[in-house]
């Protein structure tokens, strides 16, 4: 194998490693742990699914801010409060959690399995 092939393999490996390593400040929590957090006044809950998905099934404690709208609405959130983020499966909410982390939020919780695990 040549140097070019090795470089490609390393780049691909780093991509997957980056996806698997948890980001500091983001904690994956179970639905049961989320249920304990959502009624705390110091926690803000965000559902990053589309409005259509949110309308079908939702938890009223979660404010619907679709993932694509989050960057423009992030300034309406309190950086001093914990954030619980949910989506349908946990993938979009993880992306949202990483975005929140980059914007200076400290304690972010991603619900593993998302709404699919809730019901």
Protein backbone atom coordinates (compact mmCIF):
# COMPACT_ATOMS: atom_id res chain seq x y z
CA UNK A 1 0.00 0.00 0.00
CA UNK A 2 1.21 3.45 -0.87
CA UNK A 3 1.31 6.59 1.24
CA UNK A 4 -1.89 7.91 -0.35
CA UNK A 5 -3.87 4.85 0.71
CA UNK A 6 -2.51 5.12 4.27
CA UNK A 7 -3.49 8.78 4.46
CA UNK A 8 -7.04 7.93 3.34
CA UNK A 9 -7.29 5.13 5.92
CA UNK A 10 -6.07 7.45 8.70
CA UNK A 11 -8.55 10.18 7.69
CA UNK A 12 -11.44 7.70 7.66
CA UNK A 13 -10.37 6.25 11.03
CA UNK A 14 -10.13 9.71 12.60
CA UNK A 15 -13.59 10.57 11.25
CA UNK A 16 -15.14 7.52 12.92
CA UNK A 17 -13.17 7.95 16.15
CA UNK A 18 -14.35 11.56 16.36
CA UNK A 19 -17.95 10.40 16.00
CA UNK A 20 -17.64 7.77 18.74
CA UNK A 21 -15.73 9.70 21.41
CA UNK A 22 -18.13 11.56 23.68
CA UNK A 23 -17.77 15.33 23.73
CA UNK A 24 -16.85 16.78 27.12
CA UNK A 25 -19.87 18.50 28.63
CA UNK A 26 -22.39 16.33 26.79
CA UNK A 27 -23.87 13.44 28.74
CA UNK A 28 -25.99 10.74 27.17
CA UNK A 29 -28.89 9.93 29.48
CA UNK A 30 -31.66 7.36 29.47
CA UNK A 31 -35.34 8.20 29.15
CA UNK A 32 -35.74 7.48 32.87
CA UNK A 33 -33.01 9.99 33.71
CA UNK A 34 -34.61 12.53 31.35
CA UNK A 35 -37.97 12.07 33.09
CA UNK A 36 -36.28 13.02 36.37
CA UNK A 37 -34.77 16.18 34.86
CA UNK A 38 -37.59 17.65 32.79
CA UNK A 39 -39.56 19.15 35.68
CA UNK A 40 -36.55 20.90 37.22
CA UNK A 41 -36.83 24.69 36.87
CA UNK A 42 -33.08 24.90 36.19
CA UNK A 43 -33.36 22.67 33.13
CA UNK A 44 -34.50 23.69 29.68
CA UNK A 45 -35.76 20.96 27.38
CA UNK A 46 -35.46 21.12 23.60
CA UNK A 47 -36.97 18.83 20.98
CA UNK A 48 -35.06 19.26 17.70
CA UNK A 49 -37.43 17.25 15.51
CA UNK A 50 -39.50 18.80 12.75
CA UNK A 51 -42.82 20.44 13.71
CA UNK A 52 -44.67 17.56 12.06
CA UNK A 53 -42.82 14.96 14.13
CA UNK A 54 -43.34 17.03 17.26
CA UNK A 55 -47.07 17.34 16.60
CA UNK A 56 -47.53 13.55 16.35
CA UNK A 57 -45.88 12.74 19.71
CA UNK A 58 -44.28 15.07 22.20
CA UNK A 59 -43.64 15.79 25.83
CA UNK A 60 -45.03 19.22 26.76
CA UNK A 61 -41.92 20.09 28.77
CA UNK A 62 -39.88 20.08 25.54
CA UNK A 63 -39.88 23.21 23.42
CA UNK A 64 -39.82 22.40 19.70
CA UNK A 65 -36.82 24.03 18.01
CA UNK A 66 -36.06 22.08 14.82
CA UNK A 67 -32.36 21.35 14.34
CA UNK A 68 -32.07 23.57 11.27
CA UNK A 69 -33.54 26.52 13.24
CA UNK A 70 -31.38 26.05 16.34
CA UNK A 71 -28.46 28.27 15.22
CA UNK A 72 -30.76 31.27 14.75
CA UNK A 73 -32.66 30.67 18.02
CA UNK A 74 -29.78 29.70 20.28
CA UNK A 75 -29.58 33.18 21.80
CA UNK A 76 -33.07 32.69 23.28
CA UNK A 77 -31.76 29.89 25.49
CA UNK A 78 -30.17 30.39 28.91
CA UNK A 79 -26.51 29.31 28.99
CA UNK A 80 -26.66 29.10 32.78
CA UNK A 81 -29.28 26.35 32.77
CA UNK A 82 -28.82 22.67 32.00
CA UNK A 83 -30.19 21.57 28.63
CA UNK A 84 -31.91 18.27 27.81
CA UNK A 85 -32.07 17.64 24.06
CA UNK A 86 -34.21 15.03 22.33
CA UNK A 87 -35.10 13.99 18.78
CA UNK A 88 -36.58 10.82 17.31
CA UNK A 89 -33.56 8.53 17.72
CA UNK A 90 -30.83 10.52 19.45
CA UNK A 91 -28.74 11.41 16.40
CA UNK A 92 -30.05 14.91 15.61
CA UNK A 93 -30.12 15.75 19.30
CA UNK A 94 -26.44 14.78 19.55
CA UNK A 95 -25.67 17.20 16.70
CA UNK A 96 -27.71 19.85 18.49
CA UNK A 97 -25.86 19.12 21.75
CA UNK A 98 -22.51 19.60 20.02
CA UNK A 99 -23.72 22.89 18.57
CA UNK A 100 -24.84 24.04 22.02
CA UNK A 101 -21.47 23.03 23.47
CA UNK A 102 -19.64 25.11 20.85
CA UNK A 103 -21.84 28.07 21.79
CA UNK A 104 -20.79 27.91 25.45
CA UNK A 105 -23.49 25.83 27.12
CA UNK A 106 -22.03 23.81 29.99
CA UNK A 107 -24.30 20.92 31.00
CA UNK A 108 -26.00 19.29 28.06
CA UNK A 109 -27.88 16.01 28.18
CA UNK A 110 -28.73 13.99 25.08
CA UNK A 111 -31.57 11.49 25.47
CA UNK A 112 -30.36 8.10 24.19
CA UNK A 113 -32.87 6.55 21.82
CA UNK A 114 -34.88 9.76 21.66
CA UNK A 115 -38.65 9.72 21.43
CA UNK A 116 -38.48 6.18 20.03
CA UNK A 117 -37.27 5.01 23.43
CA UNK A 118 -39.77 7.18 25.34
CA UNK A 119 -42.85 5.22 24.26
